[in-house]
Amino acid sequence: MPGNFRAPPLDHFVVTTNSPTRRGAVLTLAGALLSLSACGTAGSTANAPKETSAPAPATAAPTAYPLTIENCGRKLTFDKAPSRVLLLNGTSVAEVESFVALGIQDRITANSQSYGVSDDPSLVAKVKAVPTGGLTLNDNFEVPREQVLALKPDLVISTWAGGFDDKIGSITRDQLTQAGIASYVTPVNCGNGDPTASPADQQKFKEQSVESSNELLLQLGQIFDVQQRAADLVNGTRAEIDRIGQRVADQPKKNVLVVYPGMAMMNSNGLPAVFAGGMYDDIVARAGGVNSFAGRTTAELAEINAEALASAKVDLLVVGLFQESEKADALAQELFAKFPQWEASKNKKYTSVSDSFYLGPLNALAVKKIADAAHGNP
């Protein structure tokens, strides 16, 4: 996400250590995404992502400690690279996959994030190999404060600001500070789950994009002194997405519907969860498409009914996979039969994505898969 799947977001995600049944996981994910706007669609009214100038190439230099950064209005100072990191769940895999991509998973003492499927199949085993620290999540699928303190981490990371809310049994950032433990929120989600967040952080959350994933990689690179690796990853992602953009620039834009059938609990009508807004719209746009429900808020997406789906313009169906047992072809054929009026149904045109569609290091894979399906594979 899943925080948009935070990734909620959506950035991406509750098949966790000692995970409960799939139904329980989906219910928790649904609640998290609907209330938190996983990837940041809440309040969005735009019908298409904003046009922005291309960022300057990422550069790298060794980290000079002590390093002080600002995170959600707080000053964090690191005297050295953290070596005992605890990753909170937050229905995300953005953080653990970013650590793996940067080659710093050995700094993780306990990880509570996992997903079970990935658009990069090698990541499933790599994430599974990251230590869990024997964590047992509470009813809110978060790490209880007692377990956090018992693990004696030097850094606790949450994918969203609400992950440090004591109302869900989590430890607060102030409590961590009192214990001499640093805390960090993925930058784009500082406005996610914190009603006191600055207007700038709230707006940033609403407007997240592929660059939000890059920002996380670059800042982790700085904190852990792997800035060259982070810069290479980000520049590679940008270059790949730029190549795809140039390839599809002169092609007619396709209407793209993105649904996650395994997350039907997110829809009040029991239909497949429709993903739109924020990063989701950005990824589709970069692939030469227009999200069929672009700019809709999380609340609006939750209320989509069969009539709205039937009348939507759909040239390409994108099936999101949530569990390893789900089969994209079967799910697509089921939807084609239910909504034969779609252009995609007439042409049997679909593709699938999983974690690459959320906040995290794999966004270029989602752009490529959608672009190839919509416009052809060169």
Protein backbone atom coordinates (compact mmCIF):
# COMPACT_ATOMS: atom_id res chain seq x y z
CA MET A 1 0.00 0.00 0.00
CA PRO A 2 -0.40 -0.93 0.43
CA GLY A 3 0.32 3.74 3.33
CA ASN A 4 -2.66 5.63 -0.81
CA PHE A 5 -1.44 2.38 0.40
CA ARG A 6 0.42 4.06 2.69
CA ALA A 7 0.40 3.24 1.10
CA PRO A 8 -2.68 3.50 3.09
CA PRO A 9 -1.11 4.41 2.70
CA LEU A 10 -1.84 2.19 0.92
CA ASP A 11 2.24 2.28 0.48
CA HIS A 12 0.93 -1.69 1.00
CA PHE A 13 0.22 -5.47 3.65
CA VAL A 14 -1.19 -7.07 6.67
CA VAL A 15 0.03 -10.63 6.18
CA THR A 16 2.22 -10.19 9.20
CA THR A 17 4.07 -12.08 11.91
CA ASN A 18 1.58 -14.42 13.59
CA SER A 19 -1.00 -13.09 11.11
CA PRO A 20 -4.69 -13.97 11.63
CA THR A 21 -7.03 -15.21 8.97
CA ARG A 22 -7.18 -13.64 5.56
CA ARG A 23 -10.61 -12.18 6.35
CA GLY A 24 -9.28 -10.51 9.47
CA ALA A 25 -6.35 -9.15 7.51
CA VAL A 26 -8.58 -7.71 4.83
CA LEU A 27 -10.91 -6.17 7.41
CA THR A 28 -8.03 -4.49 9.15
CA LEU A 29 -6.54 -3.32 5.88
CA ALA A 30 -9.90 -1.98 4.79
CA GLY A 31 -10.36 -0.02 7.98
CA ALA A 32 -6.87 1.38 7.81
CA LEU A 33 -7.15 2.42 4.20
CA LEU A 34 -10.59 3.90 4.44
CA SER A 35 -9.80 5.96 7.51
CA LEU A 36 -6.28 6.89 6.56
CA SER A 37 -6.40 7.22 2.79
CA ALA A 38 -3.51 4.86 2.41
CA CYS A 39 -1.78 6.56 -0.46
CA GLY A 40 -3.19 9.97 0.20
CA THR A 41 -6.36 10.51 -1.74
CA ALA A 42 -8.40 12.07 1.05
CA GLY A 43 -9.60 15.52 0.16
CA SER A 44 -8.32 15.31 -3.40
CA THR A 45 -10.55 17.02 -5.94
CA ALA A 46 -8.25 17.14 -8.95
CA ASN A 47 -9.15 14.99 -11.94
CA ALA A 48 -5.54 14.41 -12.96
CA PRO A 49 -2.08 14.61 -11.37
CA LYS A 50 -0.40 17.97 -11.41
CA GLU A 51 2.23 18.57 -14.03
CA THR A 52 5.58 19.05 -12.33
CA SER A 53 9.04 19.77 -13.63
CA ALA A 54 11.52 16.92 -13.66
CA PRO A 55 13.60 16.78 -10.47
CA ALA A 56 17.33 17.26 -10.65
CA PRO A 57 19.35 14.02 -10.70
CA ALA A 58 19.98 12.62 -7.25
CA THR A 59 23.55 13.03 -6.08
CA ALA A 60 25.48 11.23 -3.36
CA ALA A 61 28.03 12.14 -0.73
CA PRO A 62 29.10 10.39 2.48
CA THR A 63 26.90 11.22 5.45
CA ALA A 64 28.55 13.53 7.97
CA TYR A 65 27.53 12.60 11.51
CA PRO A 66 26.06 13.95 13.65
CA LEU A 67 23.25 14.26 11.11
CA THR A 68 20.20 16.38 11.92
CA ILE A 69 17.06 16.18 9.82
CA GLU A 70 13.50 17.40 10.21
CA ASN A 71 10.73 14.82 10.30
CA CYS A 72 7.10 15.81 10.74
CA GLY A 73 8.10 19.04 12.47
CA ARG A 74 10.58 17.32 14.80
CA LYS A 75 14.35 17.58 14.75
CA LEU A 76 16.11 14.22 14.69
CA THR A 77 19.84 13.90 15.29
CA PHE A 78 21.80 10.75 14.49
CA ASP A 79 25.33 10.43 15.87
CA LYS A 80 25.81 7.35 13.68
CA ALA A 81 23.79 5.10 11.42
CA PRO A 82 21.12 3.23 13.43
CA SER A 83 21.80 -0.47 13.89
CA ARG A 84 18.70 -1.72 15.77
CA VAL A 85 15.69 -0.64 13.73
CA LEU A 86 12.13 -1.65 14.40
CA LEU A 87 9.62 -1.31 11.54
CA LEU A 88 6.02 -0.87 12.58
CA ASN A 89 3.30 -2.41 10.43
CA GLY A 90 0.85 0.24 9.25
CA THR A 91 -0.41 -2.05 6.46
CA SER A 92 2.70 -1.21 4.44
CA VAL A 93 5.74 -2.81 2.89
CA ALA A 94 7.21 0.45 1.64
CA GLU A 95 9.77 0.67 4.41
CA VAL A 96 10.97 -2.93 4.57
CA GLU A 97 11.22 -3.12 0.77
CA SER A 98 13.15 0.16 0.73
CA PHE A 99 15.59 -1.24 3.31
CA VAL A 100 16.06 -4.35 1.17
CA ALA A 101 16.51 -2.29 -2.00
CA LEU A 102 19.18 -0.22 -0.23
CA GLY A 103 20.93 -3.32 1.12
CA ILE A 104 20.52 -2.25 4.75
CA GLN A 105 18.11 -4.93 5.95
CA ASP A 106 20.83 -6.11 8.33
CA ARG A 107 20.10 -2.96 10.37
CA ILE A 108 16.57 -4.24 11.13
CA THR A 109 16.14 -5.93 14.49
CA ALA A 110 12.40 -6.47 14.10
CA ASN A 111 10.11 -6.09 11.09
CA SER A 112 6.32 -6.39 11.23
CA GLN A 113 5.68 -5.65 7.53
CA SER A 114 5.00 -8.27 4.86
CA TYR A 115 2.67 -8.81 1.93
CA GLY A 116 3.11 -12.29 0.49
CA VAL A 117 3.26 -11.34 -3.20
CA SER A 118 5.42 -8.90 -5.11
CA ASP A 119 5.93 -7.62 -8.64
CA ASP A 120 9.58 -8.41 -7.94
CA PRO A 121 9.28 -12.09 -6.93
CA SER A 122 12.70 -12.08 -5.29
CA LEU A 123 11.47 -9.58 -2.71
CA VAL A 124 9.05 -12.03 -1.10
CA ALA A 125 11.85 -14.27 0.16
CA LYS A 126 14.09 -11.32 1.01
CA VAL A 127 11.41 -9.69 3.15
CA LYS A 128 10.57 -13.00 4.78
CA ALA A 129 14.24 -13.37 5.73
CA VAL A 130 14.27 -10.08 7.66
CA PRO A 131 14.13 -10.72 11.44
CA THR A 132 10.71 -10.28 13.07
CA GLY A 133 12.05 -10.04 16.60
CA GLY A 134 9.35 -12.40 17.80
CA LEU A 135 6.74 -9.67 17.52
CA THR A 136 3.10 -10.40 18.29
CA LEU A 137 0.82 -7.71 16.92
CA ASN A 138 -2.20 -6.39 18.81
CA ASP A 139 -5.79 -6.28 17.58
CA ASN A 140 -4.95 -3.17 15.56
CA PHE A 141 -2.12 -5.01 13.82
CA GLU A 142 0.48 -2.82 15.48
CA VAL A 143 3.38 -3.50 17.82
CA PRO A 144 2.41 -2.99 21.48
CA ARG A 145 4.49 -0.39 23.31
CA GLU A 146 5.81 -2.99 25.77
CA GLN A 147 7.31 -5.04 22.95
CA VAL A 148 8.87 -1.95 21.41
CA LEU A 149 10.68 -1.06 24.62
CA ALA A 150 11.70 -4.68 25.29
CA LEU A 151 13.49 -4.87 21.93
CA LYS A 152 15.64 -1.82 22.81
CA PRO A 153 15.72 -0.38 19.28
CA ASP A 154 17.69 2.74 18.45
CA LEU A 155 15.17 3.76 15.76
CA VAL A 156 11.46 3.01 15.32
CA ILE A 157 9.93 3.69 11.90
CA SER A 158 6.25 4.05 11.10
CA THR A 159 4.84 4.33 7.59
CA TRP A 160 2.28 6.90 8.85
CA ALA A 161 2.00 9.39 11.67
CA GLY A 162 -0.91 7.50 13.20
CA GLY A 163 1.36 4.54 13.84
CA PHE A 164 2.59 6.34 16.95
CA ASP A 165 -0.91 6.83 18.38
CA ASP A 166 -1.37 5.38 21.85
CA LYS A 167 -5.09 4.92 21.09
CA ILE A 168 -4.19 1.86 18.98
CA GLY A 169 -1.83 0.51 21.61
CA SER A 170 1.29 1.91 20.00
CA ILE A 171 4.07 3.80 21.69
CA THR A 172 4.11 7.56 21.11
CA ARG A 173 7.02 9.54 19.73
CA ASP A 174 7.28 11.45 23.00
CA GLN A 175 7.50 8.18 24.95
CA LEU A 176 10.24 6.98 22.63
CA THR A 177 12.15 10.22 23.07
CA GLN A 178 11.93 9.82 26.85
CA ALA A 179 13.39 6.33 26.46
CA GLY A 180 16.25 7.66 24.33
CA ILE A 181 14.92 6.06 21.14
CA ALA A 182 14.64 7.92 17.85
CA SER A 183 11.40 7.77 15.85
CA TYR A 184 10.73 8.44 12.18
CA VAL A 185 7.68 8.70 9.93
CA THR A 186 7.90 8.14 6.18
CA PRO A 187 8.01 11.79 5.02
CA VAL A 188 4.99 11.85 2.72
CA ASN A 189 2.77 10.45 5.50
CA CYS A 190 3.47 13.03 8.19
CA GLY A 191 -0.03 14.36 7.50
CA ASN A 192 -1.58 10.89 7.63
CA GLY A 193 -3.16 10.11 10.98
CA ASP A 194 -2.05 13.26 12.78
CA PRO A 195 -4.72 15.98 12.99
CA THR A 196 -2.12 18.41 14.32
CA ALA A 197 0.15 18.03 11.28
CA SER A 198 1.14 21.23 9.54
CA PRO A 199 -0.89 22.35 6.52
CA ALA A 200 2.18 21.69 4.37
CA ASP A 201 2.43 18.07 5.58
CA GLN A 202 -1.30 17.54 5.10
CA GLN A 203 -1.09 18.86 1.55
CA LYS A 204 1.97 16.75 0.84
CA PHE A 205 0.07 13.66 1.92
CA LYS A 206 -2.81 14.47 -0.42
CA GLU A 207 -0.53 15.05 -3.40
CA GLN A 208 1.84 12.12 -3.10
CA SER A 209 3.32 10.61 -6.23
CA VAL A 210 6.14 8.40 -7.43
CA GLU A 211 8.50 11.05 -6.11
CA SER A 212 7.23 10.30 -2.61
CA SER A 213 8.79 6.85 -2.90
CA ASN A 214 12.02 8.41 -4.11
CA GLU A 215 12.06 10.84 -1.21
CA LEU A 216 11.91 7.95 1.25
CA LEU A 217 14.81 6.16 -0.44
CA LEU A 218 16.97 9.27 -0.52
CA GLN A 219 16.37 10.13 3.12
CA LEU A 220 17.03 6.57 4.29
CA GLY A 221 20.20 6.69 2.20
CA GLN A 222 21.26 9.79 4.09
CA ILE A 223 20.42 8.42 7.55
CA PHE A 224 22.24 5.12 6.94
CA ASP A 225 25.13 6.51 4.89
CA VAL A 226 24.23 4.61 1.72
CA GLN A 227 23.56 7.69 -0.34
CA GLN A 228 25.20 6.39 -3.50
CA ARG A 229 22.98 3.32 -3.50
CA ALA A 230 19.91 5.50 -2.92
CA ALA A 231 20.88 7.93 -5.67
CA ASP A 232 21.47 5.09 -8.11
CA LEU A 233 18.08 3.56 -7.34
CA VAL A 234 16.22 6.84 -7.66
CA ASN A 235 17.99 7.90 -10.84
CA GLY A 236 17.37 4.47 -12.31
CA THR A 237 13.67 4.64 -11.46
CA ARG A 238 13.33 8.12 -12.92
CA ALA A 239 15.18 7.15 -16.09
CA GLU A 240 13.04 4.05 -16.61
CA ILE A 241 9.80 5.96 -16.08
CA ASP A 242 11.03 8.73 -18.37
CA ARG A 243 11.78 6.19 -21.11
CA ILE A 244 8.29 4.78 -20.77
CA GLY A 245 6.81 8.27 -20.82
CA GLN A 246 8.60 9.12 -24.04
CA ARG A 247 7.43 5.88 -25.62
CA VAL A 248 3.74 6.51 -24.88
CA ALA A 249 3.74 10.30 -25.19
CA ASP A 250 2.19 10.36 -28.66
CA GLN A 251 -0.25 7.52 -28.00
CA PRO A 252 -3.94 8.15 -27.19
CA LYS A 253 -4.45 8.00 -23.43
CA LYS A 254 -6.20 4.88 -22.23
CA ASN A 255 -8.83 4.75 -19.50
CA VAL A 256 -7.43 2.49 -16.78
CA LEU A 257 -9.43 0.93 -13.96
CA VAL A 258 -7.42 -0.42 -11.03
CA VAL A 259 -9.20 -2.81 -8.68
CA TYR A 260 -8.10 -5.10 -5.85
CA PRO A 261 -10.75 -7.87 -5.61
CA GLY A 262 -9.10 -9.28 -2.49
CA MET A 263 -9.76 -6.01 -0.68
CA ALA A 264 -13.52 -5.96 -1.31
CA MET A 265 -14.08 -5.13 2.35
CA MET A 266 -12.90 -1.61 1.51
CA ASN A 267 -16.03 -1.13 -0.61
CA SER A 268 -19.33 -0.67 1.21
CA ASN A 269 -21.13 -2.51 -1.61
CA GLY A 270 -18.89 -5.57 -1.51
CA LEU A 271 -17.29 -4.79 -4.86
CA PRO A 272 -13.58 -4.93 -5.64
CA ALA A 273 -11.72 -2.03 -4.06
CA VAL A 274 -11.08 0.71 -6.61
CA PHE A 275 -7.76 2.52 -6.26
CA ALA A 276 -7.52 6.13 -7.42
CA GLY A 277 -6.15 9.52 -6.40
CA GLY A 278 -2.67 10.56 -5.35
CA MET A 279 0.07 8.12 -6.32
CA TYR A 280 -2.37 5.81 -8.09
CA ASP A 281 -3.36 8.50 -10.56
CA ASP A 282 0.29 9.49 -10.97
CA ILE A 283 1.42 5.96 -11.85
CA VAL A 284 -1.40 5.52 -14.37
CA ALA A 285 -0.68 8.92 -15.93
CA ARG A 286 3.03 8.12 -16.30
CA ALA A 287 2.01 4.93 -18.10
CA GLY A 288 0.05 6.92 -20.67
CA GLY A 289 -3.36 6.47 -19.12
CA VAL A 290 -6.10 8.17 -17.15
CA ASN A 291 -7.43 6.54 -14.01
CA SER A 292 -11.12 5.79 -14.58
CA PHE A 293 -11.89 7.26 -11.15
CA ALA A 294 -9.14 9.86 -11.04
CA GLY A 295 -9.22 12.33 -8.18
CA ARG A 296 -11.89 10.55 -6.14
CA THR A 297 -11.55 10.72 -2.38
CA THR A 298 -11.25 7.60 -0.25
CA ALA A 299 -14.81 8.08 0.97
CA GLU A 300 -16.09 8.36 -2.60
CA LEU A 301 -14.20 5.26 -3.68
CA ALA A 302 -15.71 3.29 -0.80
CA GLU A 303 -19.21 4.09 -2.05
CA ILE A 304 -18.71 3.04 -5.67
CA ASN A 305 -21.58 0.77 -6.73
CA ALA A 306 -22.15 -1.62 -9.61
CA GLU A 307 -23.83 1.07 -11.69
CA ALA A 308 -20.82 3.37 -11.36
CA LEU A 309 -18.48 0.57 -12.39
CA ALA A 310 -20.70 -0.42 -15.29
CA SER A 311 -20.77 3.13 -16.66
CA ALA A 312 -17.03 3.75 -16.20
CA LYS A 313 -14.80 4.06 -19.23
CA VAL A 314 -12.37 1.14 -19.04
CA ASP A 315 -9.93 0.43 -21.86
CA LEU A 316 -7.60 -1.52 -19.58
CA LEU A 317 -8.37 -3.42 -16.40
CA VAL A 318 -5.60 -3.62 -13.83
CA VAL A 319 -6.12 -6.38 -11.28
CA GLY A 320 -4.36 -5.86 -7.99
CA LEU A 321 -3.17 -8.99 -6.22
CA PHE A 322 -3.28 -9.16 -2.44
CA GLN A 323 -2.64 -12.83 -1.75
CA GLU A 324 -0.41 -15.43 -3.40
CA SER A 325 -3.46 -17.64 -3.96
CA GLU A 326 -5.18 -15.04 -6.15
CA LYS A 327 -5.03 -15.63 -9.90
CA ALA A 328 -5.16 -12.52 -12.06
CA ASP A 329 -6.67 -14.25 -15.09
CA ALA A 330 -9.57 -15.74 -13.16
CA LEU A 331 -10.29 -12.45 -11.41
CA ALA A 332 -10.14 -10.51 -14.68
CA GLN A 333 -12.46 -12.93 -16.49
CA GLU A 334 -14.95 -12.70 -13.65
CA LEU A 335 -15.05 -8.91 -13.92
CA PHE A 336 -15.23 -9.01 -17.72
CA ALA A 337 -18.29 -11.24 -17.47
CA LYS A 338 -19.92 -8.95 -14.92
CA PHE A 339 -19.19 -5.74 -16.86
CA PRO A 340 -19.28 -6.72 -20.55
CA GLN A 341 -19.83 -3.10 -21.64
CA TRP A 342 -16.23 -2.15 -20.87
CA GLU A 343 -13.98 -1.85 -23.87
CA ALA A 344 -11.48 -3.89 -21.86
CA SER A 345 -14.07 -6.68 -21.55
CA LYS A 346 -14.61 -6.79 -25.29
CA ASN A 347 -10.87 -7.02 -25.93
CA LYS A 348 -10.01 -9.06 -22.81
CA LYS A 349 -7.37 -6.47 -22.02
CA TYR A 350 -5.91 -6.59 -18.53
CA THR A 351 -2.72 -6.75 -16.51
CA SER A 352 -1.93 -7.22 -12.84
CA VAL A 353 0.08 -5.43 -10.18
CA SER A 354 0.69 -5.97 -6.50
CA ASP A 355 3.12 -3.99 -4.34
CA SER A 356 4.60 -1.90 -7.16
CA PHE A 357 1.41 0.16 -7.22
CA TYR A 358 2.03 1.46 -3.69
CA LEU A 359 4.56 3.65 -1.95
CA GLY A 360 7.91 1.88 -2.18
CA PRO A 361 10.88 1.21 -4.46
CA LEU A 362 9.03 -0.67 -7.24
CA ASN A 363 6.86 2.03 -8.84
CA ALA A 364 8.68 1.79 -12.19
CA LEU A 365 7.47 -1.81 -12.48
CA ALA A 366 3.84 -0.70 -12.14
CA VAL A 367 4.32 2.03 -14.74
CA LYS A 368 5.89 -0.44 -17.16
CA LYS A 369 3.27 -3.14 -16.68
CA ILE A 370 0.41 -0.72 -17.25
CA ALA A 371 2.10 1.01 -20.19
CA ASP A 372 2.91 -2.31 -21.88
CA ALA A 373 -0.66 -3.54 -21.45
CA ALA A 374 -2.24 -0.28 -22.57
CA HIS A 375 0.06 0.59 -25.47
CA GLY A 376 1.94 -2.56 -26.35
CA ASN A 377 5.32 -3.91 -25.34
CA PRO A 378 8.06 -2.51 -27.64
